[in-house]
Amino acid sequence: MTDHAVSGEATLGHTTLASREPLRVALALAAAGVPVLPLRKNKRPFANCPTCSASACGDRPHMKNPGPCYCPAPCHGWAAATTDRAVIASPAWAAAWRAAGGVGYHPGGCGLTVVDLDNPAAVAWAHATLPATRTVATTRGQHWIYRGAMQSANGVRPGVDIKSRMAYARWLAPGTGTMTPLPGTVRALVAREEATPARGGVASSLPASGTWNRQVAHGCRHTEAYVNTGLRRGLNMVAACTESGAGSRAFGVARFLAAQHAHCPGPCDLEGIGRQIVAAAIAVGVPEPYARRAVTNGFHTGQGHAA
């Protein structure tokens, strides 16, 4: 969770807001730095007003397709989420709160990621795979909440959705447990890392694997032998995942190799290293877009950035 919303963790963890009316819940969360929005009784955001319908307003400035919309109503789903008390309690939002069946919040807006586990099998997988963190019981499963924001995605594996940036989650209860940092295993799920498709017919425009070139990476502080040894070992690890997990392994290899170059003056030709890791993942059946995403996320994490 970001510094400006540290008090939001206390609100999420130590109060009993769920029994209150939606507007009061929303105001308490917003006061703690958690962006909120009203949800209908079917758990979805309220529909856009006529002015905003079908993106006629141009959408909100912070959406994927930024535009000029400054509509005072809670339009555009997650993008309406705010911590501004004056907006939340405004006349433009009043009708929505009167009809609301619950409160939604924008996890990415306060530096959080929600792993939405939709059934008992998904919950069992999380217990076996992910580090423990704060959990919230849902109707059919659980929400696991981590510190740190990332890209959102649905269906990253059976019964598992990732809700963070450009997404909303439903506020249900404070939850139990201590919130922990977002792990690489969750970031990697967006690249479909838990499933390597079957081999055969995988098309790619990527060049064949080669070795690291000092002429390109003239700003690296490492020797060619050091870099090439690590690269070969990493490629072999990815190539060994012939049944499953090649995307996840590509993420881990990219993260590790990027961390070795974090303090180099550069350039270190991480682009060339990345192409080889992607090619290795594709060779065992990972679709090219997912392989590229896994390597990009791995490099970003390894270099000490929040994805």
C-alpha atoms as a PDB file:
ATOM      1  CA  MET A   1       0.000   0.000   0.000  1.00  0.00           C
ATOM      2  CA  THR A   2       1.348   3.443  -0.818  1.00  0.00           C
ATOM      3  CA  ASP A   3       2.489   5.760   1.975  1.00  0.00           C
ATOM      4  CA  HIS A   4      -0.446   8.139   1.562  1.00  0.00           C
ATOM      5  CA  ALA A   5      -2.850   5.260   2.278  1.00  0.00           C
ATOM      6  CA  VAL A   6      -1.079   3.609   5.191  1.00  0.00           C
ATOM      7  CA  SER A   7      -4.046   4.432   7.375  1.00  0.00           C
ATOM      8  CA  GLY A   8      -6.160   2.570   4.838  1.00  0.00           C
ATOM      9  CA  GLU A   9      -4.620  -0.676   5.994  1.00  0.00           C
ATOM     10  CA  ALA A  10      -5.832   0.039   9.505  1.00  0.00           C
ATOM     11  CA  THR A  11      -9.323   0.696   8.202  1.00  0.00           C
ATOM     12  CA  LEU A  12      -9.280  -2.439   6.089  1.00  0.00           C
ATOM     13  CA  GLY A  13      -7.971  -4.524   8.937  1.00  0.00           C
ATOM     14  CA  HIS A  14      -9.273  -3.308  12.258  1.00  0.00           C
ATOM     15  CA  THR A  15     -12.797  -1.948  11.932  1.00  0.00           C
ATOM     16  CA  THR A  16     -16.176  -3.546  11.301  1.00  0.00           C
ATOM     17  CA  LEU A  17     -17.588  -1.473   8.488  1.00  0.00           C
ATOM     18  CA  ALA A  18     -19.460  -4.226   6.710  1.00  0.00           C
ATOM     19  CA  SER A  19     -22.558  -3.876   8.856  1.00  0.00           C
ATOM     20  CA  ARG A  20     -23.007  -0.173   8.030  1.00  0.00           C
ATOM     21  CA  GLU A  21     -24.854   1.384   5.116  1.00  0.00           C
ATOM     22  CA  PRO A  22     -22.849   1.657   1.853  1.00  0.00           C
ATOM     23  CA  LEU A  23     -22.312   5.419   1.964  1.00  0.00           C
ATOM     24  CA  ARG A  24     -20.912   5.331   5.496  1.00  0.00           C
ATOM     25  CA  VAL A  25     -18.649   2.425   4.560  1.00  0.00           C
ATOM     26  CA  ALA A  26     -17.441   4.343   1.506  1.00  0.00           C
ATOM     27  CA  LEU A  27     -16.709   7.514   3.461  1.00  0.00           C
ATOM     28  CA  ALA A  28     -14.731   5.607   6.088  1.00  0.00           C
ATOM     29  CA  LEU A  29     -12.659   3.824   3.450  1.00  0.00           C
ATOM     30  CA  ALA A  30     -12.081   7.026   1.488  1.00  0.00           C
ATOM     31  CA  ALA A  31     -10.899   8.804   4.641  1.00  0.00           C
ATOM     32  CA  ALA A  32      -8.228   6.122   4.894  1.00  0.00           C
ATOM     33  CA  GLY A  33      -7.073   6.658   1.303  1.00  0.00           C
ATOM     34  CA  VAL A  34      -9.023   3.883  -0.426  1.00  0.00           C
ATOM     35  CA  PRO A  35     -10.776   5.030  -3.661  1.00  0.00           C
ATOM     36  CA  VAL A  36     -14.416   3.913  -3.607  1.00  0.00           C
ATOM     37  CA  LEU A  37     -17.494   3.726  -5.841  1.00  0.00           C
ATOM     38  CA  PRO A  38     -21.099   2.538  -5.386  1.00  0.00           C
ATOM     39  CA  LEU A  39     -22.083  -0.913  -6.637  1.00  0.00           C
ATOM     40  CA  ARG A  40     -25.527  -2.097  -7.632  1.00  0.00           C
ATOM     41  CA  LYS A  41     -27.233  -5.038  -5.934  1.00  0.00           C
ATOM     42  CA  ASN A  42     -25.880  -7.283  -8.690  1.00  0.00           C
ATOM     43  CA  LYS A  43     -22.359  -6.303  -7.545  1.00  0.00           C
ATOM     44  CA  ARG A  44     -21.644  -4.294 -10.693  1.00  0.00           C
ATOM     45  CA  PRO A  45     -20.983  -0.546 -11.067  1.00  0.00           C
ATOM     46  CA  PHE A  46     -23.839   1.712 -12.052  1.00  0.00           C
ATOM     47  CA  ALA A  47     -24.405   2.293 -15.741  1.00  0.00           C
ATOM     48  CA  ASN A  48     -23.073   5.417 -17.431  1.00  0.00           C
ATOM     49  CA  CYS A  49     -25.330   8.429 -17.702  1.00  0.00           C
ATOM     50  CA  PRO A  50     -26.628   9.332 -21.223  1.00  0.00           C
ATOM     51  CA  THR A  51     -23.837  11.875 -21.702  1.00  0.00           C
ATOM     52  CA  CYS A  52     -21.150   9.253 -20.977  1.00  0.00           C
ATOM     53  CA  SER A  53     -22.855   6.308 -22.685  1.00  0.00           C
ATOM     54  CA  ALA A  54     -20.809   4.522 -25.362  1.00  0.00           C
ATOM     55  CA  SER A  55     -17.815   6.743 -24.544  1.00  0.00           C
ATOM     56  CA  ALA A  56     -19.584   9.747 -26.054  1.00  0.00           C
ATOM     57  CA  CYS A  57     -17.923  11.924 -23.406  1.00  0.00           C
ATOM     58  CA  GLY A  58     -14.457  10.780 -24.446  1.00  0.00           C
ATOM     59  CA  ASP A  59     -13.928   8.775 -21.225  1.00  0.00           C
ATOM     60  CA  ARG A  60     -12.113   9.917 -18.108  1.00  0.00           C
ATOM     61  CA  PRO A  61      -8.569  11.290 -18.357  1.00  0.00           C
ATOM     62  CA  HIS A  62      -6.995   8.421 -16.391  1.00  0.00           C
ATOM     63  CA  MET A  63      -8.569   5.542 -18.327  1.00  0.00           C
ATOM     64  CA  LYS A  64      -6.850   3.344 -20.892  1.00  0.00           C
ATOM     65  CA  ASN A  65      -8.217   5.634 -23.597  1.00  0.00           C
ATOM     66  CA  PRO A  66      -7.866   9.038 -21.867  1.00  0.00           C
ATOM     67  CA  GLY A  67     -10.407  11.678 -22.702  1.00  0.00           C
ATOM     68  CA  PRO A  68     -12.025  14.903 -21.513  1.00  0.00           C
ATOM     69  CA  CYS A  69     -14.890  13.507 -19.396  1.00  0.00           C
ATOM     70  CA  TYR A  70     -15.506  15.397 -16.168  1.00  0.00           C
ATOM     71  CA  CYS A  71     -18.989  14.039 -15.480  1.00  0.00           C
ATOM     72  CA  PRO A  72     -19.898  14.443 -11.769  1.00  0.00           C
ATOM     73  CA  ALA A  73     -21.862  11.154 -11.758  1.00  0.00           C
ATOM     74  CA  PRO A  74     -20.281   7.782 -10.880  1.00  0.00           C
ATOM     75  CA  CYS A  75     -19.806   6.794 -14.522  1.00  0.00           C
ATOM     76  CA  HIS A  76     -17.082   4.606 -16.080  1.00  0.00           C
ATOM     77  CA  GLY A  77     -16.959   1.919 -13.423  1.00  0.00           C
ATOM     78  CA  TRP A  78     -13.591   1.650 -11.645  1.00  0.00           C
ATOM     79  CA  ALA A  79     -12.534   5.009 -13.097  1.00  0.00           C
ATOM     80  CA  ALA A  80     -15.173   6.749 -10.975  1.00  0.00           C
ATOM     81  CA  ALA A  81     -13.535   5.556  -7.755  1.00  0.00           C
ATOM     82  CA  THR A  82     -12.358   8.446  -5.596  1.00  0.00           C
ATOM     83  CA  THR A  83     -11.287   9.403  -2.098  1.00  0.00           C
ATOM     84  CA  ASP A  84     -12.843  12.867  -2.403  1.00  0.00           C
ATOM     85  CA  ARG A  85     -15.526  13.140   0.276  1.00  0.00           C
ATOM     86  CA  ALA A  86     -17.178  16.034  -1.549  1.00  0.00           C
ATOM     87  CA  VAL A  87     -17.661  13.842  -4.628  1.00  0.00           C
ATOM     88  CA  ILE A  88     -18.719  10.713  -2.741  1.00  0.00           C
ATOM     89  CA  ALA A  89     -21.386  12.604  -0.755  1.00  0.00           C
ATOM     90  CA  SER A  90     -22.410  14.852  -3.662  1.00  0.00           C
ATOM     91  CA  PRO A  91     -25.957  15.134  -5.062  1.00  0.00           C
ATOM     92  CA  ALA A  92     -24.684  13.567  -8.309  1.00  0.00           C
ATOM     93  CA  TRP A  93     -23.863  10.360  -6.410  1.00  0.00           C
ATOM     94  CA  ALA A  94     -26.829  10.409  -4.024  1.00  0.00           C
ATOM     95  CA  ALA A  95     -29.223   8.362  -6.167  1.00  0.00           C
ATOM     96  CA  ALA A  96     -26.607   5.682  -6.698  1.00  0.00           C
ATOM     97  CA  TRP A  97     -25.973   5.360  -2.966  1.00  0.00           C
ATOM     98  CA  ARG A  98     -29.698   5.093  -2.262  1.00  0.00           C
ATOM     99  CA  ALA A  99     -29.926   2.163  -4.688  1.00  0.00           C
ATOM    100  CA  ALA A 100     -26.523   0.669  -3.870  1.00  0.00           C
ATOM    101  CA  GLY A 101     -26.139  -2.913  -2.792  1.00  0.00           C
ATOM    102  CA  GLY A 102     -22.527  -2.502  -1.741  1.00  0.00           C
ATOM    103  CA  VAL A 103     -19.267  -0.632  -2.049  1.00  0.00           C
ATOM    104  CA  GLY A 104     -16.543  -1.171  -4.595  1.00  0.00           C
ATOM    105  CA  TYR A 105     -12.966   0.021  -4.392  1.00  0.00           C
ATOM    106  CA  HIS A 106     -10.094   0.487  -6.823  1.00  0.00           C
ATOM    107  CA  PRO A 107      -7.223  -1.660  -5.486  1.00  0.00           C
ATOM    108  CA  GLY A 108      -4.585  -0.224  -7.802  1.00  0.00           C
ATOM    109  CA  GLY A 109      -5.554   3.281  -6.738  1.00  0.00           C
ATOM    110  CA  CYS A 110      -4.279   2.627  -3.208  1.00  0.00           C
ATOM    111  CA  GLY A 111      -1.367   0.378  -4.127  1.00  0.00           C
ATOM    112  CA  LEU A 112      -3.091  -2.979  -3.653  1.00  0.00           C
ATOM    113  CA  THR A 113      -3.671  -6.151  -5.646  1.00  0.00           C
ATOM    114  CA  VAL A 114      -6.574  -8.512  -4.978  1.00  0.00           C
ATOM    115  CA  VAL A 115      -6.220 -12.152  -6.003  1.00  0.00           C
ATOM    116  CA  ASP A 116      -9.858 -13.173  -6.431  1.00  0.00           C
ATOM    117  CA  LEU A 117     -10.235 -16.911  -5.762  1.00  0.00           C
ATOM    118  CA  ASP A 118     -13.650 -17.953  -6.998  1.00  0.00           C
ATOM    119  CA  ASN A 119     -13.984 -21.506  -5.700  1.00  0.00           C
ATOM    120  CA  PRO A 120     -12.538 -23.956  -3.144  1.00  0.00           C
ATOM    121  CA  ALA A 121     -10.103 -25.419  -5.688  1.00  0.00           C
ATOM    122  CA  ALA A 122      -8.660 -21.964  -6.366  1.00  0.00           C
ATOM    123  CA  VAL A 123      -8.356 -21.313  -2.628  1.00  0.00           C
ATOM    124  CA  ALA A 124      -6.527 -24.612  -2.181  1.00  0.00           C
ATOM    125  CA  TRP A 125      -4.160 -23.674  -5.012  1.00  0.00           C
ATOM    126  CA  ALA A 126      -3.434 -20.314  -3.350  1.00  0.00           C
ATOM    127  CA  HIS A 127      -2.648 -21.956  -0.013  1.00  0.00           C
ATOM    128  CA  ALA A 128      -0.209 -24.288  -1.744  1.00  0.00           C
ATOM    129  CA  THR A 129       1.387 -21.683  -4.007  1.00  0.00           C
ATOM    130  CA  LEU A 130       1.179 -18.105  -2.718  1.00  0.00           C
ATOM    131  CA  PRO A 131       2.648 -16.442   0.367  1.00  0.00           C
ATOM    132  CA  ALA A 132       0.154 -15.823   3.140  1.00  0.00           C
ATOM    133  CA  THR A 133      -1.430 -12.381   3.313  1.00  0.00           C
ATOM    134  CA  ARG A 134      -4.681 -10.751   4.393  1.00  0.00           C
ATOM    135  CA  THR A 135      -7.697 -12.782   3.291  1.00  0.00           C
ATOM    136  CA  VAL A 136     -11.360 -11.888   2.981  1.00  0.00           C
ATOM    137  CA  ALA A 137     -14.104 -14.498   2.683  1.00  0.00           C
ATOM    138  CA  THR A 138     -16.384 -14.174  -0.352  1.00  0.00           C
ATOM    139  CA  THR A 139     -19.589 -15.967  -1.285  1.00  0.00           C
ATOM    140  CA  ARG A 140     -17.754 -18.744  -3.137  1.00  0.00           C
ATOM    141  CA  GLY A 141     -14.090 -18.314  -2.208  1.00  0.00           C
ATOM    142  CA  GLN A 142     -11.667 -15.697  -0.914  1.00  0.00           C
ATOM    143  CA  HIS A 143      -9.895 -12.453  -1.749  1.00  0.00           C
ATOM    144  CA  TRP A 144      -6.145 -12.453  -1.016  1.00  0.00           C
ATOM    145  CA  ILE A 145      -4.915  -8.863  -0.712  1.00  0.00           C
ATOM    146  CA  TYR A 146      -1.283  -7.879  -1.257  1.00  0.00           C
ATOM    147  CA  ARG A 147       0.665  -4.620  -1.024  1.00  0.00           C
ATOM    148  CA  GLY A 148       1.651  -3.460  -4.511  1.00  0.00           C
ATOM    149  CA  ALA A 149      -0.209  -2.710  -7.730  1.00  0.00           C
ATOM    150  CA  MET A 150      -0.013  -4.490 -11.072  1.00  0.00           C
ATOM    151  CA  GLN A 151      -1.916  -5.090 -14.288  1.00  0.00           C
ATOM    152  CA  SER A 152      -5.348  -6.648 -13.837  1.00  0.00           C
ATOM    153  CA  ALA A 153      -6.456  -9.777 -15.688  1.00  0.00           C
ATOM    154  CA  ASN A 154      -9.315 -12.261 -15.556  1.00  0.00           C
ATOM    155  CA  GLY A 155      -8.977 -16.012 -15.807  1.00  0.00           C
ATOM    156  CA  VAL A 156      -5.225 -16.177 -15.226  1.00  0.00           C
ATOM    157  CA  ARG A 157      -5.884 -19.768 -14.158  1.00  0.00           C
ATOM    158  CA  PRO A 158      -9.104 -21.649 -13.327  1.00  0.00           C
ATOM    159  CA  GLY A 159     -11.124 -19.655 -10.824  1.00  0.00           C
ATOM    160  CA  VAL A 160      -8.509 -16.920 -10.365  1.00  0.00           C
ATOM    161  CA  ASP A 161      -8.767 -13.235 -11.353  1.00  0.00           C
ATOM    162  CA  ILE A 162      -6.310 -10.423 -10.611  1.00  0.00           C
ATOM    163  CA  LYS A 163      -7.877  -7.086  -9.621  1.00  0.00           C
ATOM    164  CA  SER A 164      -5.570  -4.097  -9.290  1.00  0.00           C
ATOM    165  CA  ARG A 165      -5.083  -1.362 -11.889  1.00  0.00           C
ATOM    166  CA  MET A 166      -8.067  -0.449 -14.059  1.00  0.00           C
ATOM    167  CA  ALA A 167     -10.347  -2.735 -12.049  1.00  0.00           C
ATOM    168  CA  TYR A 168     -12.601  -2.692  -9.013  1.00  0.00           C
ATOM    169  CA  ALA A 169     -13.118  -5.155  -6.199  1.00  0.00           C
ATOM    170  CA  ARG A 170     -16.121  -5.490  -3.902  1.00  0.00           C
ATOM    171  CA  TRP A 171     -15.643  -4.438  -0.286  1.00  0.00           C
ATOM    172  CA  LEU A 172     -16.899  -7.295   1.874  1.00  0.00           C
ATOM    173  CA  ALA A 173     -15.186  -7.228   5.255  1.00  0.00           C
ATOM    174  CA  PRO A 174     -11.944  -6.210   6.967  1.00  0.00           C
ATOM    175  CA  GLY A 175     -10.433  -9.656   6.507  1.00  0.00           C
ATOM    176  CA  THR A 176      -7.878 -11.468   8.608  1.00  0.00           C
ATOM    177  CA  GLY A 177      -4.105 -11.789   8.563  1.00  0.00           C
ATOM    178  CA  THR A 178      -1.250  -9.408   7.850  1.00  0.00           C
ATOM    179  CA  MET A 179      -1.008  -7.824   4.427  1.00  0.00           C
ATOM    180  CA  THR A 180       2.271  -8.783   2.752  1.00  0.00           C
ATOM    181  CA  PRO A 181       4.151  -7.492  -0.331  1.00  0.00           C
ATOM    182  CA  LEU A 182       2.932  -8.540  -3.762  1.00  0.00           C
ATOM    183  CA  PRO A 183       5.042 -11.559  -4.782  1.00  0.00           C
ATOM    184  CA  GLY A 184       6.501 -12.246  -8.192  1.00  0.00           C
ATOM    185  CA  THR A 185       4.385 -15.371  -8.459  1.00  0.00           C
ATOM    186  CA  VAL A 186       1.252 -13.222  -8.596  1.00  0.00           C
ATOM    187  CA  ARG A 187       2.723 -10.747 -11.088  1.00  0.00           C
ATOM    188  CA  ALA A 188       3.692 -13.677 -13.279  1.00  0.00           C
ATOM    189  CA  LEU A 189       0.133 -15.012 -13.431  1.00  0.00           C
ATOM    190  CA  VAL A 190      -0.847 -12.257 -15.828  1.00  0.00           C
ATOM    191  CA  ALA A 191       1.490 -13.843 -18.373  1.00  0.00           C
ATOM    192  CA  ARG A 192      -0.341 -17.190 -18.042  1.00  0.00           C
ATOM    193  CA  GLU A 193       2.732 -18.604 -16.415  1.00  0.00           C
ATOM    194  CA  GLU A 194       1.034 -21.505 -14.762  1.00  0.00           C
ATOM    195  CA  ALA A 195       0.151 -23.164 -18.063  1.00  0.00           C
ATOM    196  CA  THR A 196       2.455 -23.981 -20.951  1.00  0.00           C
ATOM    197  CA  PRO A 197       0.393 -24.791 -24.066  1.00  0.00           C
ATOM    198  CA  ALA A 198       1.173 -27.953 -25.991  1.00  0.00           C
ATOM    199  CA  ARG A 199       3.962 -27.815 -28.517  1.00  0.00           C
ATOM    200  CA  GLY A 200       3.372 -27.595 -32.218  1.00  0.00           C
ATOM    201  CA  GLY A 201       2.578 -24.869 -34.689  1.00  0.00           C
ATOM    202  CA  VAL A 202       3.914 -22.016 -32.557  1.00  0.00           C
ATOM    203  CA  ALA A 203       4.715 -19.136 -34.852  1.00  0.00           C
ATOM    204  CA  SER A 204       7.232 -16.506 -33.842  1.00  0.00           C
ATOM    205  CA  SER A 205       9.147 -13.692 -35.456  1.00  0.00           C
ATOM    206  CA  LEU A 206      11.885 -13.890 -32.837  1.00  0.00           C
ATOM    207  CA  PRO A 207      15.469 -14.589 -33.874  1.00  0.00           C
ATOM    208  CA  ALA A 208      17.250 -17.746 -32.881  1.00  0.00           C
ATOM    209  CA  SER A 209      19.061 -17.809 -29.543  1.00  0.00           C
ATOM    210  CA  GLY A 210      22.644 -16.622 -29.499  1.00  0.00           C
ATOM    211  CA  THR A 211      25.071 -15.336 -26.915  1.00  0.00           C
ATOM    212  CA  TRP A 212      25.526 -12.054 -25.123  1.00  0.00           C
ATOM    213  CA  ASN A 213      27.672  -9.557 -27.035  1.00  0.00           C
ATOM    214  CA  ARG A 214      30.120  -7.250 -25.228  1.00  0.00           C
ATOM    215  CA  GLN A 215      30.159  -4.881 -28.235  1.00  0.00           C
ATOM    216  CA  VAL A 216      26.514  -4.056 -27.667  1.00  0.00           C
ATOM    217  CA  ALA A 217      26.679  -4.181 -23.866  1.00  0.00           C
ATOM    218  CA  HIS A 218      29.726  -1.965 -23.552  1.00  0.00           C
ATOM    219  CA  GLY A 219      28.516  -0.398 -20.289  1.00  0.00           C
ATOM    220  CA  CYS A 220      28.161  -3.672 -18.366  1.00  0.00           C
ATOM    221  CA  ARG A 221      30.424  -4.295 -15.380  1.00  0.00           C
ATOM    222  CA  HIS A 222      30.384  -8.089 -15.848  1.00  0.00           C
ATOM    223  CA  THR A 223      32.559 -10.322 -18.009  1.00  0.00           C
ATOM    224  CA  GLU A 224      31.181 -12.126 -21.058  1.00  0.00           C
ATOM    225  CA  ALA A 225      31.838 -15.484 -19.395  1.00  0.00           C
ATOM    226  CA  TYR A 226      29.808 -14.491 -16.327  1.00  0.00           C
ATOM    227  CA  VAL A 227      26.836 -13.220 -18.304  1.00  0.00           C
ATOM    228  CA  ASN A 228      26.799 -16.034 -20.851  1.00  0.00           C
ATOM    229  CA  THR A 229      27.039 -18.704 -18.148  1.00  0.00           C
ATOM    230  CA  GLY A 230      24.065 -17.260 -16.305  1.00  0.00           C
ATOM    231  CA  LEU A 231      22.122 -16.788 -19.532  1.00  0.00           C
ATOM    232  CA  ARG A 232      22.714 -20.377 -20.677  1.00  0.00           C
ATOM    233  CA  ARG A 233      21.651 -21.740 -17.322  1.00  0.00           C
ATOM    234  CA  GLY A 234      18.501 -19.650 -17.396  1.00  0.00           C
ATOM    235  CA  LEU A 235      17.611 -20.716 -20.937  1.00  0.00           C
ATOM    236  CA  ASN A 236      18.110 -24.360 -19.984  1.00  0.00           C
ATOM    237  CA  MET A 237      15.774 -23.906 -17.028  1.00  0.00           C
ATOM    238  CA  VAL A 238      13.045 -22.508 -19.293  1.00  0.00           C
ATOM    239  CA  ALA A 239      13.623 -25.221 -21.912  1.00  0.00           C
ATOM    240  CA  ALA A 240      13.207 -27.904 -19.237  1.00  0.00           C
ATOM    241  CA  CYS A 241       9.565 -26.826 -18.622  1.00  0.00           C
ATOM    242  CA  THR A 242       8.118 -28.952 -21.394  1.00  0.00           C
ATOM    243  CA  GLU A 243       4.833 -29.738 -19.640  1.00  0.00           C
ATOM    244  CA  SER A 244       3.985 -26.591 -17.673  1.00  0.00           C
ATOM    245  CA  GLY A 245       5.405 -23.536 -15.962  1.00  0.00           C
ATOM    246  CA  ALA A 246       7.631 -22.217 -18.755  1.00  0.00           C
ATOM    247  CA  GLY A 247       6.109 -18.748 -18.535  1.00  0.00           C
ATOM    248  CA  SER A 248       6.660 -18.647 -14.791  1.00  0.00           C
ATOM    249  CA  ARG A 249      10.229 -19.838 -15.205  1.00  0.00           C
ATOM    250  CA  ALA A 250      10.870 -17.195 -17.901  1.00  0.00           C
ATOM    251  CA  PHE A 251       9.659 -14.540 -15.471  1.00  0.00           C
ATOM    252  CA  GLY A 252      11.992 -15.827 -12.758  1.00  0.00           C
ATOM    253  CA  VAL A 253      15.010 -16.051 -15.064  1.00  0.00           C
ATOM    254  CA  ALA A 254      14.404 -12.524 -16.382  1.00  0.00           C
ATOM    255  CA  ARG A 255      14.007 -11.195 -12.853  1.00  0.00           C
ATOM    256  CA  PHE A 256      17.236 -12.835 -11.666  1.00  0.00           C
ATOM    257  CA  LEU A 257      19.314 -11.735 -14.652  1.00  0.00           C
ATOM    258  CA  ALA A 258      18.000  -8.162 -14.501  1.00  0.00           C
ATOM    259  CA  ALA A 259      18.915  -7.965 -10.815  1.00  0.00           C
ATOM    260  CA  GLN A 260      22.534  -8.814 -11.684  1.00  0.00           C
ATOM    261  CA  HIS A 261      22.687  -5.691 -13.877  1.00  0.00           C
ATOM    262  CA  ALA A 262      20.776  -3.342 -11.568  1.00  0.00           C
ATOM    263  CA  HIS A 263      23.923  -1.408 -10.632  1.00  0.00           C
ATOM    264  CA  CYS A 264      25.668  -1.398 -14.004  1.00  0.00           C
ATOM    265  CA  PRO A 265      26.146   1.966 -15.733  1.00  0.00           C
ATOM    266  CA  GLY A 266      24.803   0.341 -18.913  1.00  0.00           C
ATOM    267  CA  PRO A 267      23.946  -0.441 -21.582  1.00  0.00           C
ATOM    268  CA  CYS A 268      23.908  -4.161 -20.768  1.00  0.00           C
ATOM    269  CA  ASP A 269      21.822  -5.333 -23.743  1.00  0.00           C
ATOM    270  CA  LEU A 270      19.013  -6.687 -21.607  1.00  0.00           C
ATOM    271  CA  GLU A 271      16.900  -6.453 -24.753  1.00  0.00           C
ATOM    272  CA  GLY A 272      19.019  -9.120 -26.400  1.00  0.00           C
ATOM    273  CA  ILE A 273      18.924 -11.289 -23.289  1.00  0.00           C
ATOM    274  CA  GLY A 274      15.151 -10.852 -23.161  1.00  0.00           C
ATOM    275  CA  ARG A 275      14.720 -11.955 -26.766  1.00  0.00           C
ATOM    276  CA  GLN A 276      16.526 -15.188 -25.994  1.00  0.00           C
ATOM    277  CA  ILE A 277      14.421 -15.902 -22.907  1.00  0.00           C
ATOM    278  CA  VAL A 278      11.242 -15.220 -24.875  1.00  0.00           C
ATOM    279  CA  ALA A 279      12.411 -17.507 -27.674  1.00  0.00           C
ATOM    280  CA  ALA A 280      13.156 -20.288 -25.172  1.00  0.00           C
ATOM    281  CA  ALA A 281       9.660 -19.988 -23.699  1.00  0.00           C
ATOM    282  CA  ILE A 282       8.039 -19.993 -27.133  1.00  0.00           C
ATOM    283  CA  ALA A 283      10.019 -23.091 -28.077  1.00  0.00           C
ATOM    284  CA  VAL A 284       8.202 -25.076 -25.363  1.00  0.00           C
ATOM    285  CA  GLY A 285       4.784 -23.752 -26.306  1.00  0.00           C
ATOM    286  CA  VAL A 286       4.221 -20.420 -24.515  1.00  0.00           C
ATOM    287  CA  PRO A 287       2.362 -17.984 -26.811  1.00  0.00           C
ATOM    288  CA  GLU A 288       4.614 -15.120 -27.839  1.00  0.00           C
ATOM    289  CA  PRO A 289       2.540 -12.302 -26.240  1.00  0.00           C
ATOM    290  CA  TYR A 290       2.536 -14.108 -22.883  1.00  0.00           C
ATOM    291  CA  ALA A 291       6.241 -14.885 -23.093  1.00  0.00           C
ATOM    292  CA  ARG A 292       7.076 -11.262 -23.851  1.00  0.00           C
ATOM    293  CA  ARG A 293       4.913 -10.069 -20.976  1.00  0.00           C
ATOM    294  CA  ALA A 294       6.515 -12.506 -18.527  1.00  0.00           C
ATOM    295  CA  VAL A 295      10.026 -11.384 -19.465  1.00  0.00           C
ATOM    296  CA  THR A 296       9.114  -7.698 -19.368  1.00  0.00           C
ATOM    297  CA  ASN A 297       7.565  -8.097 -15.921  1.00  0.00           C
ATOM    298  CA  GLY A 298      10.581 -10.082 -14.758  1.00  0.00           C
ATOM    299  CA  PHE A 299      13.028  -7.415 -15.909  1.00  0.00           C
ATOM    300  CA  HIS A 300      10.925  -4.683 -14.328  1.00  0.00           C
ATOM    301  CA  THR A 301      10.781  -6.487 -10.989  1.00  0.00           C
ATOM    302  CA  GLY A 302      14.444  -7.465 -11.062  1.00  0.00           C
ATOM    303  CA  GLN A 303      15.510  -3.895 -11.591  1.00  0.00           C
ATOM    304  CA  GLY A 304      13.663  -2.853  -8.440  1.00  0.00           C
ATOM    305  CA  HIS A 305      10.579  -1.240  -9.972  1.00  0.00           C
ATOM    306  CA  ALA A 306       6.960  -1.727  -8.964  1.00  0.00           C
ATOM    307  CA  ALA A 307       5.167  -3.177 -11.964  1.00  0.00           C
END
